[in-house]
C-alpha cells in the first residue's frame, strides 16, 4: 500500500502546487483588478468592474463537480483531453483563480483609504501604489487567504479520481470505500489532516511575521 500512497501523494502534490501557482497569480491579478476599477478608486472603470465582478459571481458559486463538466469543451480545447491529471488541473486552476480573486479584493478593501489617498497626493502612479502600498499593507491577510485557498484546492483535488487524475481522494474511494478497507480511508484522512495542519501553521507563522514588519 505504501507505493500506492506515495504515487497518489505525488499526483495530489502535482495538482495542488500547479493550481496554487497559476490560480494564485491569476487570482491576485483579478482581485487587484476588481479593487482598482471600483467606483472612485485608482483606475475606476464601471464597465471593466462590472465584467470582472459578474464573471466572479457566476463562476465562484458553481459546485466544482458541475463546473468540471461545464468547462469540458474549453478544457479539451486547451489540454486536448477532458479526462486525466492535466485536464483536471486546468479546471482547478480556473476555479481557484476566481475564488482567490474575491479573497484578494475583500482584503484590499480592508485597507485604510487614507493610506492610498496619501500615496496619490504624493503623485505615485497606480502601479507604484499597487506594488508599494496595497500589497504590503494587505500582505498578512493575503497570506491567510492564500492558506485558505490551499485547503480549498486540496479539497477539490480529492475528486480527481472521477476524471482519471488519481490522487489521495481516488485511493480513499477506490481502495478504501469501494473495497470496505477502512484502514486505507483512515490513512488517507490522516495524511490530508497532517498536510493541512502543516500548511496552516506555515501560513499563520508567515502572516504573523508580515504583521510585525
N, C-alpha and C. Protein backbone atom coordinates (compact mmCIF):
# COMPACT_ATOMS: atom_id res chain seq x y z
N UNK A 1 0.82 -1.22 0.00
CA UNK A 1 0.00 0.00 0.00
C UNK A 1 0.85 1.27 0.00
N UNK A 2 2.06 1.18 0.61
CA UNK A 2 2.91 2.37 0.68
C UNK A 2 3.25 2.94 -0.69
N UNK A 3 3.67 2.10 -1.68
CA UNK A 3 3.95 2.66 -3.03
C UNK A 3 2.73 3.34 -3.64
N UNK A 4 1.56 2.75 -3.42
CA UNK A 4 0.33 3.35 -3.95
C UNK A 4 0.05 4.71 -3.33
N UNK A 5 0.23 4.80 -2.02
CA UNK A 5 0.02 6.07 -1.33
C UNK A 5 1.03 7.12 -1.77
N UNK A 6 2.28 6.69 -1.96
CA UNK A 6 3.31 7.64 -2.40
C UNK A 6 3.00 8.17 -3.80
N UNK A 7 2.55 7.27 -4.67
CA UNK A 7 2.18 7.71 -6.03
C UNK A 7 1.00 8.68 -5.98
N UNK A 8 0.01 8.34 -5.15
CA UNK A 8 -1.16 9.22 -5.03
C UNK A 8 -0.78 10.57 -4.42
N UNK A 9 0.14 10.53 -3.46
CA UNK A 9 0.59 11.78 -2.83
C UNK A 9 1.30 12.67 -3.88
N UNK A 10 2.08 12.04 -4.75
CA UNK A 10 2.75 12.78 -5.81
C UNK A 10 1.75 13.39 -6.79
N UNK A 11 0.70 12.64 -7.12
CA UNK A 11 -0.33 13.16 -8.03
C UNK A 11 -1.07 14.34 -7.39
N UNK A 12 -1.38 14.20 -6.11
CA UNK A 12 -2.06 15.30 -5.41
C UNK A 12 -1.17 16.53 -5.33
N UNK A 13 0.11 16.32 -5.04
CA UNK A 13 1.04 17.44 -4.97
C UNK A 13 1.15 18.14 -6.32
N UNK A 14 1.18 17.37 -7.41
CA UNK A 14 1.25 17.95 -8.76
C UNK A 14 0.04 18.85 -9.00
N UNK A 15 -1.15 18.33 -8.72
CA UNK A 15 -2.38 19.09 -8.98
C UNK A 15 -2.44 20.34 -8.10
N UNK A 16 -2.14 20.18 -6.82
CA UNK A 16 -2.29 21.29 -5.88
C UNK A 16 -1.26 22.39 -6.13
N UNK A 17 0.00 22.01 -6.33
CA UNK A 17 1.05 23.02 -6.49
C UNK A 17 0.89 23.83 -7.77
N UNK A 18 0.56 23.16 -8.87
CA UNK A 18 0.34 23.89 -10.12
C UNK A 18 -0.87 24.81 -10.00
N UNK A 19 -1.91 24.31 -9.36
CA UNK A 19 -3.12 25.13 -9.20
C UNK A 19 -2.85 26.34 -8.31
N UNK A 20 -2.10 26.13 -7.23
CA UNK A 20 -1.79 27.26 -6.34
C UNK A 20 -0.95 28.31 -7.05
N UNK A 21 -0.01 27.85 -7.89
CA UNK A 21 0.85 28.80 -8.61
C UNK A 21 0.06 29.57 -9.66
N UNK A 22 -0.60 28.85 -10.56
CA UNK A 22 -1.32 29.51 -11.66
C UNK A 22 -2.56 30.24 -11.14
N UNK A 23 -3.35 29.54 -10.31
CA UNK A 23 -4.57 30.16 -9.78
C UNK A 23 -4.26 31.33 -8.87
N UNK A 24 -3.16 31.23 -8.13
CA UNK A 24 -2.79 32.31 -7.22
C UNK A 24 -2.41 33.57 -7.97
N UNK A 25 -1.59 33.42 -9.01
CA UNK A 25 -1.14 34.59 -9.80
C UNK A 25 -2.33 35.24 -10.52
N UNK A 26 -3.12 34.42 -11.21
CA UNK A 26 -4.26 34.96 -11.95
C UNK A 26 -5.30 35.56 -10.98
N UNK A 27 -5.52 34.86 -9.87
CA UNK A 27 -6.48 35.35 -8.88
C UNK A 27 -6.04 36.67 -8.26
N UNK A 28 -4.73 36.80 -8.01
CA UNK A 28 -4.21 38.06 -7.47
C UNK A 28 -4.44 39.21 -8.46
N UNK A 29 -4.16 38.94 -9.74
CA UNK A 29 -4.36 39.96 -10.77
C UNK A 29 -5.85 40.33 -10.89
N UNK A 30 -6.72 39.33 -10.88
CA UNK A 30 -8.16 39.60 -10.98
C UNK A 30 -8.65 40.38 -9.76
N UNK A 31 -8.18 39.98 -8.57
CA UNK A 31 -8.60 40.66 -7.34
C UNK A 31 -8.17 42.11 -7.31
N UNK A 32 -6.93 42.36 -7.73
CA UNK A 32 -6.45 43.75 -7.80
C UNK A 32 -7.26 44.52 -8.84
N UNK A 33 -7.57 43.86 -9.97
CA UNK A 33 -8.39 44.49 -10.99
C UNK A 33 -9.76 44.88 -10.46
N UNK A 34 -10.37 43.99 -9.69
CA UNK A 34 -11.67 44.29 -9.08
C UNK A 34 -11.58 45.51 -8.16
N UNK A 35 -10.49 45.57 -7.40
CA UNK A 35 -10.33 46.65 -6.41
C UNK A 35 -10.08 48.00 -7.09
N UNK A 36 -9.14 48.03 -8.02
CA UNK A 36 -8.74 49.34 -8.59
C UNK A 36 -9.78 49.90 -9.55
N UNK A 37 -10.64 49.04 -10.14
CA UNK A 37 -11.63 49.55 -11.09
C UNK A 37 -12.95 49.90 -10.42
N UNK A 38 -13.03 49.73 -9.09
CA UNK A 38 -14.24 50.14 -8.37
C UNK A 38 -14.45 51.65 -8.51
N UNK A 39 -15.70 52.07 -8.36
CA UNK A 39 -16.03 53.48 -8.46
C UNK A 39 -15.23 54.30 -7.45
N UNK A 40 -14.57 55.35 -7.93
CA UNK A 40 -13.80 56.23 -7.06
C UNK A 40 -12.43 55.73 -6.72
N UNK A 41 -12.02 54.59 -7.29
CA UNK A 41 -10.71 54.04 -6.95
C UNK A 41 -9.65 54.41 -7.99
N UNK A 42 -8.48 53.81 -7.88
CA UNK A 42 -7.32 54.22 -8.66
C UNK A 42 -7.58 54.27 -10.17
N UNK A 43 -8.18 53.21 -10.70
CA UNK A 43 -8.44 53.12 -12.14
C UNK A 43 -9.93 52.86 -12.37
N UNK A 44 -10.75 53.64 -11.72
CA UNK A 44 -12.20 53.42 -11.77
C UNK A 44 -12.70 53.26 -13.21
N UNK A 45 -13.37 52.15 -13.44
CA UNK A 45 -13.92 51.88 -14.77
C UNK A 45 -15.13 50.98 -14.58
N UNK A 46 -16.29 51.57 -14.74
CA UNK A 46 -17.52 50.84 -14.42
C UNK A 46 -17.71 49.59 -15.28
N UNK A 47 -17.43 49.70 -16.57
CA UNK A 47 -17.63 48.55 -17.47
C UNK A 47 -16.69 47.39 -17.09
N UNK A 48 -15.41 47.71 -16.87
CA UNK A 48 -14.44 46.66 -16.52
C UNK A 48 -14.80 46.01 -15.19
N UNK A 49 -15.15 46.85 -14.20
CA UNK A 49 -15.52 46.29 -12.90
C UNK A 49 -16.74 45.38 -13.03
N UNK A 50 -17.74 45.84 -13.79
CA UNK A 50 -18.97 45.03 -13.94
C UNK A 50 -18.67 43.68 -14.57
N UNK A 51 -17.83 43.67 -15.60
CA UNK A 51 -17.49 42.40 -16.27
C UNK A 51 -16.73 41.46 -15.33
N UNK A 52 -15.73 42.01 -14.62
CA UNK A 52 -14.97 41.18 -13.69
C UNK A 52 -15.84 40.66 -12.55
N UNK A 53 -16.64 41.57 -12.01
CA UNK A 53 -17.49 41.19 -10.88
C UNK A 53 -18.52 40.14 -11.28
N UNK A 54 -19.10 40.31 -12.48
CA UNK A 54 -20.08 39.34 -12.98
C UNK A 54 -19.43 37.98 -13.20
N UNK A 55 -18.23 37.98 -13.77
CA UNK A 55 -17.53 36.72 -14.01
C UNK A 55 -17.27 35.96 -12.72
N UNK A 56 -16.80 36.69 -11.70
CA UNK A 56 -16.51 36.04 -10.41
C UNK A 56 -17.81 35.53 -9.77
N UNK A 57 -18.86 36.33 -9.84
CA UNK A 57 -20.13 35.94 -9.23
C UNK A 57 -20.76 34.74 -9.93
N UNK A 58 -20.48 34.57 -11.22
CA UNK A 58 -21.04 33.43 -11.95
C UNK A 58 -20.25 32.15 -11.65
N UNK A 59 -18.93 32.23 -11.71
CA UNK A 59 -18.10 31.02 -11.59
C UNK A 59 -18.00 30.53 -10.15
N UNK A 60 -17.78 31.44 -9.21
CA UNK A 60 -17.44 31.04 -7.84
C UNK A 60 -18.49 30.16 -7.16
N UNK A 61 -19.80 30.42 -7.33
CA UNK A 61 -20.78 29.59 -6.59
C UNK A 61 -21.04 28.21 -7.21
N UNK A 62 -20.53 27.94 -8.42
CA UNK A 62 -20.84 26.66 -9.08
C UNK A 62 -20.14 25.52 -8.35
N UNK A 63 -20.88 24.48 -7.97
CA UNK A 63 -20.23 23.30 -7.36
C UNK A 63 -19.15 22.76 -8.30
N UNK A 64 -18.00 22.38 -7.74
CA UNK A 64 -16.84 22.07 -8.57
C UNK A 64 -17.10 20.91 -9.53
N UNK A 65 -17.84 19.90 -9.09
CA UNK A 65 -18.09 18.74 -9.96
C UNK A 65 -18.89 19.17 -11.20
N UNK A 66 -19.88 20.05 -11.00
CA UNK A 66 -20.66 20.56 -12.13
C UNK A 66 -19.79 21.47 -13.00
N UNK A 67 -18.92 22.25 -12.35
CA UNK A 67 -18.02 23.14 -13.08
C UNK A 67 -17.10 22.35 -14.01
N UNK A 68 -16.64 21.19 -13.54
CA UNK A 68 -15.77 20.33 -14.35
C UNK A 68 -16.45 19.95 -15.65
N UNK A 69 -17.73 19.57 -15.54
CA UNK A 69 -18.49 19.14 -16.72
C UNK A 69 -18.72 20.34 -17.65
N UNK A 70 -19.13 21.46 -17.05
CA UNK A 70 -19.44 22.65 -17.85
C UNK A 70 -18.21 23.17 -18.59
N UNK A 71 -17.05 23.03 -17.98
CA UNK A 71 -15.81 23.55 -18.57
C UNK A 71 -15.20 22.58 -19.59
N UNK A 72 -15.84 21.41 -19.76
CA UNK A 72 -15.30 20.35 -20.62
C UNK A 72 -14.82 20.81 -21.99
N UNK A 73 -15.64 21.54 -22.76
CA UNK A 73 -15.19 21.96 -24.10
C UNK A 73 -13.93 22.82 -24.07
N UNK A 74 -13.88 23.76 -23.12
CA UNK A 74 -12.69 24.61 -23.02
C UNK A 74 -11.48 23.80 -22.56
N UNK A 75 -11.70 22.88 -21.63
CA UNK A 75 -10.62 22.02 -21.15
C UNK A 75 -10.02 21.20 -22.30
N UNK A 76 -10.91 20.66 -23.16
CA UNK A 76 -10.43 19.86 -24.31
C UNK A 76 -9.68 20.74 -25.29
N UNK A 77 -10.17 21.97 -25.46
CA UNK A 77 -9.51 22.90 -26.40
C UNK A 77 -8.09 23.23 -25.94
N UNK A 78 -7.92 23.40 -24.62
CA UNK A 78 -6.62 23.82 -24.09
C UNK A 78 -5.68 22.64 -23.87
N UNK A 79 -6.18 21.56 -23.28
CA UNK A 79 -5.32 20.43 -22.92
C UNK A 79 -5.40 19.27 -23.91
N UNK A 80 -6.41 19.30 -24.80
CA UNK A 80 -6.58 18.21 -25.77
C UNK A 80 -7.33 17.03 -25.21
N UNK A 81 -7.71 17.10 -23.93
CA UNK A 81 -8.43 15.98 -23.30
C UNK A 81 -9.46 16.54 -22.32
N UNK A 82 -10.40 15.70 -21.92
CA UNK A 82 -11.34 16.12 -20.88
C UNK A 82 -11.20 15.25 -19.63
N UNK A 83 -10.31 14.26 -19.69
CA UNK A 83 -10.01 13.46 -18.52
C UNK A 83 -8.49 13.41 -18.33
N UNK A 84 -8.07 12.95 -17.16
CA UNK A 84 -6.63 12.88 -16.88
C UNK A 84 -6.18 14.02 -15.99
N UNK A 85 -4.98 13.90 -15.50
CA UNK A 85 -4.48 14.84 -14.49
C UNK A 85 -4.30 16.26 -15.05
N UNK A 86 -3.90 16.37 -16.32
CA UNK A 86 -3.71 17.71 -16.90
C UNK A 86 -5.06 18.42 -17.05
N UNK A 87 -6.06 17.70 -17.55
CA UNK A 87 -7.38 18.29 -17.73
C UNK A 87 -7.97 18.70 -16.38
N UNK A 88 -7.82 17.84 -15.39
CA UNK A 88 -8.37 18.14 -14.07
C UNK A 88 -7.65 19.33 -13.44
N UNK A 89 -6.34 19.39 -13.61
CA UNK A 89 -5.57 20.50 -13.04
C UNK A 89 -5.95 21.82 -13.70
N UNK A 90 -6.19 21.80 -15.00
CA UNK A 90 -6.62 23.02 -15.69
C UNK A 90 -7.91 23.55 -15.09
N UNK A 91 -8.88 22.67 -14.88
CA UNK A 91 -10.16 23.10 -14.29
C UNK A 91 -9.96 23.65 -12.88
N UNK A 92 -9.07 23.02 -12.11
CA UNK A 92 -8.79 23.50 -10.76
C UNK A 92 -8.17 24.90 -10.80
N UNK A 93 -7.25 25.13 -11.72
CA UNK A 93 -6.62 26.46 -11.85
C UNK A 93 -7.68 27.51 -12.14
N UNK A 94 -8.60 27.18 -13.02
CA UNK A 94 -9.65 28.11 -13.41
C UNK A 94 -10.50 28.49 -12.20
N UNK A 95 -10.98 27.49 -11.48
CA UNK A 95 -11.84 27.76 -10.31
C UNK A 95 -11.06 28.48 -9.20
N UNK A 96 -9.82 28.05 -8.95
CA UNK A 96 -9.02 28.66 -7.89
C UNK A 96 -8.78 30.14 -8.15
N UNK A 97 -8.56 30.51 -9.41
CA UNK A 97 -8.32 31.92 -9.75
C UNK A 97 -9.52 32.78 -9.36
N UNK A 98 -10.71 32.32 -9.67
CA UNK A 98 -11.91 33.11 -9.37
C UNK A 98 -12.16 33.16 -7.86
N UNK A 99 -11.94 32.05 -7.17
CA UNK A 99 -12.14 32.04 -5.72
C UNK A 99 -11.15 32.99 -5.04
N UNK A 100 -9.87 32.91 -5.44
CA UNK A 100 -8.85 33.73 -4.80
C UNK A 100 -9.03 35.21 -5.13
N UNK A 101 -9.55 35.50 -6.31
CA UNK A 101 -9.74 36.92 -6.69
C UNK A 101 -10.66 37.63 -5.72
N UNK A 102 -11.71 36.96 -5.29
CA UNK A 102 -12.64 37.59 -4.34
C UNK A 102 -11.97 37.78 -2.98
N UNK A 103 -11.17 36.81 -2.57
CA UNK A 103 -10.45 36.95 -1.30
C UNK A 103 -9.49 38.14 -1.35
N UNK A 104 -8.80 38.29 -2.47
CA UNK A 104 -7.86 39.41 -2.64
C UNK A 104 -8.62 40.73 -2.58
N UNK A 105 -9.71 40.82 -3.32
CA UNK A 105 -10.49 42.07 -3.34
C UNK A 105 -10.95 42.44 -1.93
N UNK A 106 -11.50 41.46 -1.20
CA UNK A 106 -12.01 41.73 0.15
C UNK A 106 -10.90 42.20 1.09
N UNK A 107 -9.73 41.60 0.96
CA UNK A 107 -8.61 42.01 1.82
C UNK A 107 -8.12 43.41 1.47
N UNK A 108 -8.10 43.75 0.20
CA UNK A 108 -7.67 45.10 -0.20
C UNK A 108 -8.68 46.15 0.26
N UNK A 109 -9.94 45.79 0.29
CA UNK A 109 -10.97 46.74 0.73
C UNK A 109 -10.83 47.08 2.21
N UNK A 110 -10.14 46.23 2.97
CA UNK A 110 -9.98 46.48 4.41
C UNK A 110 -8.87 47.50 4.68
N UNK A 111 -8.10 47.88 3.65
CA UNK A 111 -7.02 48.86 3.83
C UNK A 111 -7.60 50.25 4.05
N UNK A 112 -7.02 51.00 4.95
CA UNK A 112 -7.45 52.37 5.22
C UNK A 112 -7.34 53.20 3.93
N UNK A 113 -8.46 53.75 3.42
CA UNK A 113 -8.40 54.54 2.18
C UNK A 113 -7.46 55.74 2.30
N UNK A 114 -7.25 56.22 3.53
CA UNK A 114 -6.36 57.36 3.72
C UNK A 114 -4.93 57.07 3.29
N UNK A 115 -4.50 55.83 3.46
CA UNK A 115 -3.14 55.44 3.05
C UNK A 115 -2.99 55.56 1.53
N UNK A 116 -4.01 55.10 0.82
CA UNK A 116 -3.97 55.16 -0.65
C UNK A 116 -4.06 56.61 -1.10
N UNK A 117 -4.93 57.39 -0.45
CA UNK A 117 -5.08 58.80 -0.83
C UNK A 117 -3.78 59.57 -0.61
N UNK A 118 -3.08 59.25 0.47
CA UNK A 118 -1.80 59.91 0.75
C UNK A 118 -0.79 59.62 -0.36
N UNK A 119 -0.77 58.36 -0.81
CA UNK A 119 0.15 57.98 -1.89
C UNK A 119 -0.22 58.70 -3.18
N UNK A 120 -1.51 58.82 -3.44
CA UNK A 120 -1.96 59.52 -4.66
C UNK A 120 -1.60 60.99 -4.60
N UNK A 121 -1.75 61.58 -3.40
CA UNK A 121 -1.44 63.00 -3.23
C UNK A 121 0.04 63.28 -3.46
N UNK A 122 0.87 62.27 -3.20
CA UNK A 122 2.31 62.43 -3.41
C UNK A 122 2.72 62.18 -4.86
N UNK A 123 1.73 61.88 -5.70
CA UNK A 123 2.00 61.72 -7.12
C UNK A 123 2.41 60.33 -7.54
N UNK A 124 2.22 59.34 -6.68
CA UNK A 124 2.60 57.97 -7.04
C UNK A 124 1.67 57.43 -8.12
N UNK A 125 2.23 56.69 -9.06
CA UNK A 125 1.43 56.11 -10.14
C UNK A 125 0.60 54.94 -9.59
N UNK A 126 -0.48 54.57 -10.31
CA UNK A 126 -1.29 53.43 -9.85
C UNK A 126 -0.47 52.15 -9.64
N UNK A 127 0.45 51.87 -10.58
CA UNK A 127 1.27 50.66 -10.45
C UNK A 127 2.14 50.72 -9.20
N UNK A 128 2.71 51.91 -8.94
CA UNK A 128 3.57 52.06 -7.76
C UNK A 128 2.75 51.91 -6.48
N UNK A 129 1.52 52.44 -6.49
CA UNK A 129 0.66 52.31 -5.31
C UNK A 129 0.31 50.84 -5.06
N UNK A 130 0.04 50.12 -6.15
CA UNK A 130 -0.31 48.70 -6.01
C UNK A 130 0.87 47.92 -5.41
N UNK A 131 2.08 48.17 -5.94
CA UNK A 131 3.24 47.38 -5.53
C UNK A 131 3.81 47.80 -4.17
N UNK A 132 3.72 49.09 -3.85
CA UNK A 132 4.39 49.57 -2.63
C UNK A 132 3.43 49.93 -1.49
N UNK A 133 2.13 49.99 -1.79
CA UNK A 133 1.17 50.33 -0.74
C UNK A 133 0.15 49.22 -0.53
N UNK A 134 -0.59 48.90 -1.59
CA UNK A 134 -1.70 47.95 -1.44
C UNK A 134 -1.22 46.56 -1.00
N UNK A 135 -0.31 45.97 -1.78
CA UNK A 135 0.11 44.60 -1.46
C UNK A 135 0.84 44.53 -0.12
N UNK A 136 1.79 45.45 0.18
CA UNK A 136 2.44 45.37 1.51
C UNK A 136 1.45 45.57 2.65
N UNK A 137 0.49 46.49 2.51
CA UNK A 137 -0.46 46.75 3.58
C UNK A 137 -1.38 45.54 3.83
N UNK A 138 -1.70 44.82 2.77
CA UNK A 138 -2.63 43.68 2.90
C UNK A 138 -1.89 42.34 2.91
N UNK A 139 -0.57 42.36 3.10
CA UNK A 139 0.22 41.13 2.95
C UNK A 139 -0.21 40.03 3.92
N UNK A 140 -0.38 40.38 5.21
CA UNK A 140 -0.74 39.35 6.20
C UNK A 140 -2.08 38.69 5.86
N UNK A 141 -3.16 39.46 5.64
CA UNK A 141 -4.42 38.80 5.28
C UNK A 141 -4.36 38.08 3.93
N UNK A 142 -3.51 38.58 3.02
CA UNK A 142 -3.36 37.88 1.73
C UNK A 142 -2.72 36.51 1.95
N UNK A 143 -1.76 36.44 2.85
CA UNK A 143 -1.12 35.14 3.15
C UNK A 143 -2.16 34.18 3.74
N UNK A 144 -2.97 34.70 4.66
CA UNK A 144 -4.00 33.84 5.26
C UNK A 144 -5.03 33.42 4.21
N UNK A 145 -5.35 34.34 3.30
CA UNK A 145 -6.28 33.99 2.23
C UNK A 145 -5.70 32.92 1.31
N UNK A 146 -4.40 33.01 1.06
CA UNK A 146 -3.74 32.01 0.21
C UNK A 146 -3.71 30.66 0.92
N UNK A 147 -3.56 30.70 2.24
CA UNK A 147 -3.61 29.45 3.01
C UNK A 147 -4.99 28.83 2.93
N UNK A 148 -6.01 29.68 3.01
CA UNK A 148 -7.39 29.20 2.86
C UNK A 148 -7.59 28.58 1.47
N UNK A 149 -7.00 29.22 0.46
CA UNK A 149 -7.10 28.70 -0.90
C UNK A 149 -6.47 27.32 -1.00
N UNK A 150 -5.34 27.12 -0.31
CA UNK A 150 -4.67 25.82 -0.34
C UNK A 150 -5.61 24.72 0.15
N UNK A 151 -6.29 24.99 1.26
CA UNK A 151 -7.21 23.97 1.80
C UNK A 151 -8.34 23.69 0.80
N UNK A 152 -8.85 24.76 0.17
CA UNK A 152 -9.91 24.57 -0.82
C UNK A 152 -9.43 23.78 -2.03
N UNK A 153 -8.21 24.05 -2.48
CA UNK A 153 -7.65 23.33 -3.63
C UNK A 153 -7.42 21.86 -3.28
N UNK A 154 -6.95 21.61 -2.06
CA UNK A 154 -6.76 20.22 -1.63
C UNK A 154 -8.10 19.48 -1.61
N UNK A 155 -9.14 20.17 -1.18
CA UNK A 155 -10.49 19.57 -1.21
C UNK A 155 -10.90 19.23 -2.64
N UNK A 156 -10.64 20.17 -3.55
CA UNK A 156 -11.00 19.93 -4.96
C UNK A 156 -10.25 18.74 -5.52
N UNK A 157 -8.97 18.61 -5.15
CA UNK A 157 -8.16 17.53 -5.72
C UNK A 157 -8.67 16.15 -5.29
N UNK A 158 -9.46 16.12 -4.21
CA UNK A 158 -9.94 14.83 -3.70
C UNK A 158 -10.89 14.13 -4.65
N UNK A 159 -11.49 14.90 -5.57
CA UNK A 159 -12.41 14.24 -6.51
C UNK A 159 -11.73 14.03 -7.88
N UNK A 160 -10.41 14.13 -7.90
CA UNK A 160 -9.68 13.94 -9.15
C UNK A 160 -9.87 12.57 -9.76
N UNK A 161 -10.16 11.58 -8.93
CA UNK A 161 -10.32 10.23 -9.43
C UNK A 161 -11.48 10.08 -10.40
N UNK A 162 -12.48 10.96 -10.29
CA UNK A 162 -13.63 10.88 -11.19
C UNK A 162 -13.25 11.20 -12.63
N UNK A 163 -12.15 11.93 -12.80
CA UNK A 163 -11.70 12.26 -14.16
C UNK A 163 -10.36 11.61 -14.46
N UNK A 164 -10.06 10.52 -13.75
CA UNK A 164 -8.84 9.78 -14.03
C UNK A 164 -7.57 10.50 -13.65
N UNK A 165 -7.67 11.45 -12.71
CA UNK A 165 -6.49 12.21 -12.29
C UNK A 165 -5.76 11.56 -11.12
N UNK A 166 -6.37 10.58 -10.49
CA UNK A 166 -5.74 9.91 -9.37
C UNK A 166 -5.71 10.79 -8.12
N UNK A 167 -4.67 10.60 -7.31
CA UNK A 167 -4.55 11.40 -6.09
C UNK A 167 -5.06 10.68 -4.86
N UNK A 168 -4.88 11.33 -3.72
CA UNK A 168 -5.26 10.71 -2.44
C UNK A 168 -6.75 10.43 -2.35
N UNK A 169 -7.57 11.33 -2.87
CA UNK A 169 -9.02 11.12 -2.83
C UNK A 169 -9.41 9.87 -3.60
N UNK A 170 -8.77 9.63 -4.72
CA UNK A 170 -9.06 8.45 -5.53
C UNK A 170 -8.73 7.18 -4.76
N UNK A 171 -7.59 7.17 -4.04
CA UNK A 171 -7.21 6.00 -3.23
C UNK A 171 -8.25 5.74 -2.14
N UNK A 172 -8.69 6.83 -1.49
CA UNK A 172 -9.66 6.68 -0.40
C UNK A 172 -10.97 6.07 -0.91
N UNK A 173 -11.39 6.48 -2.12
CA UNK A 173 -12.67 5.99 -2.66
C UNK A 173 -12.54 4.58 -3.23
N UNK A 174 -11.53 4.39 -4.10
CA UNK A 174 -11.40 3.11 -4.82
C UNK A 174 -10.91 1.98 -3.91
N UNK A 175 -9.85 2.26 -3.14
CA UNK A 175 -9.26 1.19 -2.32
C UNK A 175 -9.81 1.18 -0.90
N UNK A 176 -10.39 2.26 -0.46
CA UNK A 176 -10.96 2.31 0.88
C UNK A 176 -12.45 2.08 0.89
N UNK A 177 -13.19 3.04 0.37
CA UNK A 177 -14.66 2.99 0.42
C UNK A 177 -15.23 1.82 -0.38
N UNK A 178 -14.83 1.69 -1.65
CA UNK A 178 -15.43 0.67 -2.51
C UNK A 178 -14.99 -0.75 -2.14
N UNK A 179 -13.86 -0.91 -1.48
CA UNK A 179 -13.41 -2.25 -1.08
C UNK A 179 -13.56 -2.47 0.43
N UNK A 180 -14.27 -1.58 1.06
CA UNK A 180 -14.55 -1.67 2.51
C UNK A 180 -13.28 -1.82 3.34
N UNK A 181 -12.23 -1.20 2.91
CA UNK A 181 -10.98 -1.22 3.66
C UNK A 181 -10.84 0.12 4.38
N UNK A 182 -11.41 0.20 5.56
CA UNK A 182 -11.46 1.47 6.29
C UNK A 182 -10.09 1.93 6.75
N UNK A 183 -9.15 1.00 6.86
CA UNK A 183 -7.79 1.39 7.26
C UNK A 183 -7.16 2.29 6.19
N UNK A 184 -7.44 1.97 4.91
CA UNK A 184 -6.92 2.81 3.82
C UNK A 184 -7.53 4.20 3.88
N UNK A 185 -8.85 4.24 4.06
CA UNK A 185 -9.53 5.54 4.14
C UNK A 185 -8.99 6.36 5.31
N UNK A 186 -8.84 5.69 6.46
CA UNK A 186 -8.34 6.39 7.65
C UNK A 186 -6.93 6.91 7.42
N UNK A 187 -6.09 6.11 6.73
CA UNK A 187 -4.71 6.54 6.46
C UNK A 187 -4.69 7.79 5.58
N UNK A 188 -5.54 7.78 4.56
CA UNK A 188 -5.61 8.95 3.66
C UNK A 188 -6.09 10.18 4.43
N UNK A 189 -7.10 9.99 5.27
CA UNK A 189 -7.62 11.11 6.06
C UNK A 189 -6.53 11.70 6.95
N UNK A 190 -5.77 10.82 7.60
CA UNK A 190 -4.69 11.28 8.50
C UNK A 190 -3.64 12.07 7.71
N UNK A 191 -3.28 11.55 6.52
CA UNK A 191 -2.28 12.25 5.69
C UNK A 191 -2.79 13.65 5.32
N UNK A 192 -4.06 13.73 4.90
CA UNK A 192 -4.61 15.03 4.50
C UNK A 192 -4.67 15.99 5.69
N UNK A 193 -5.09 15.48 6.85
CA UNK A 193 -5.15 16.34 8.04
C UNK A 193 -3.77 16.87 8.41
N UNK A 194 -2.76 16.00 8.34
CA UNK A 194 -1.39 16.43 8.67
C UNK A 194 -0.92 17.52 7.69
N UNK A 195 -1.19 17.31 6.39
CA UNK A 195 -0.78 18.31 5.38
C UNK A 195 -1.45 19.65 5.66
N UNK A 196 -2.76 19.62 5.94
CA UNK A 196 -3.49 20.86 6.19
C UNK A 196 -2.95 21.56 7.44
N UNK A 197 -2.68 20.78 8.49
CA UNK A 197 -2.16 21.38 9.73
C UNK A 197 -0.81 22.04 9.51
N UNK A 198 0.05 21.38 8.75
CA UNK A 198 1.38 21.94 8.48
C UNK A 198 1.29 23.23 7.67
N UNK A 199 0.45 23.21 6.65
CA UNK A 199 0.31 24.40 5.80
C UNK A 199 -0.34 25.54 6.58
N UNK A 200 -1.33 25.21 7.41
CA UNK A 200 -1.98 26.25 8.21
C UNK A 200 -0.99 26.87 9.21
N UNK A 201 -0.16 26.03 9.79
CA UNK A 201 0.88 26.54 10.72
C UNK A 201 1.84 27.45 9.98
N UNK A 202 2.26 27.03 8.78
CA UNK A 202 3.17 27.86 7.99
C UNK A 202 2.52 29.18 7.61
N UNK A 203 1.25 29.12 7.19
CA UNK A 203 0.55 30.35 6.81
C UNK A 203 0.41 31.30 7.98
N UNK A 204 0.03 30.77 9.15
CA UNK A 204 -0.11 31.61 10.34
C UNK A 204 1.23 32.25 10.72
N UNK A 205 2.31 31.48 10.64
CA UNK A 205 3.63 32.00 11.00
C UNK A 205 4.06 33.12 10.07
N UNK A 206 3.86 32.92 8.76
CA UNK A 206 4.24 33.94 7.79
C UNK A 206 3.38 35.21 7.96
N UNK A 207 2.10 35.02 8.25
CA UNK A 207 1.21 36.17 8.45
C UNK A 207 1.62 36.97 9.69
N UNK A 208 2.00 36.27 10.76
CA UNK A 208 2.47 36.96 11.97
C UNK A 208 3.73 37.76 11.68
N UNK A 209 4.63 37.16 10.94
CA UNK A 209 5.87 37.85 10.59
C UNK A 209 5.58 39.09 9.75
N UNK A 210 4.62 38.99 8.85
CA UNK A 210 4.25 40.13 8.00
C UNK A 210 3.64 41.25 8.84
N UNK A 211 2.86 40.88 9.86
CA UNK A 211 2.23 41.89 10.72
C UNK A 211 3.25 42.64 11.57
N UNK A 212 4.36 41.98 11.89
CA UNK A 212 5.37 42.59 12.76
C UNK A 212 6.37 43.46 12.00
N UNK A 213 6.20 43.56 10.66
CA UNK A 213 7.16 44.35 9.88
C UNK A 213 7.25 45.78 10.42
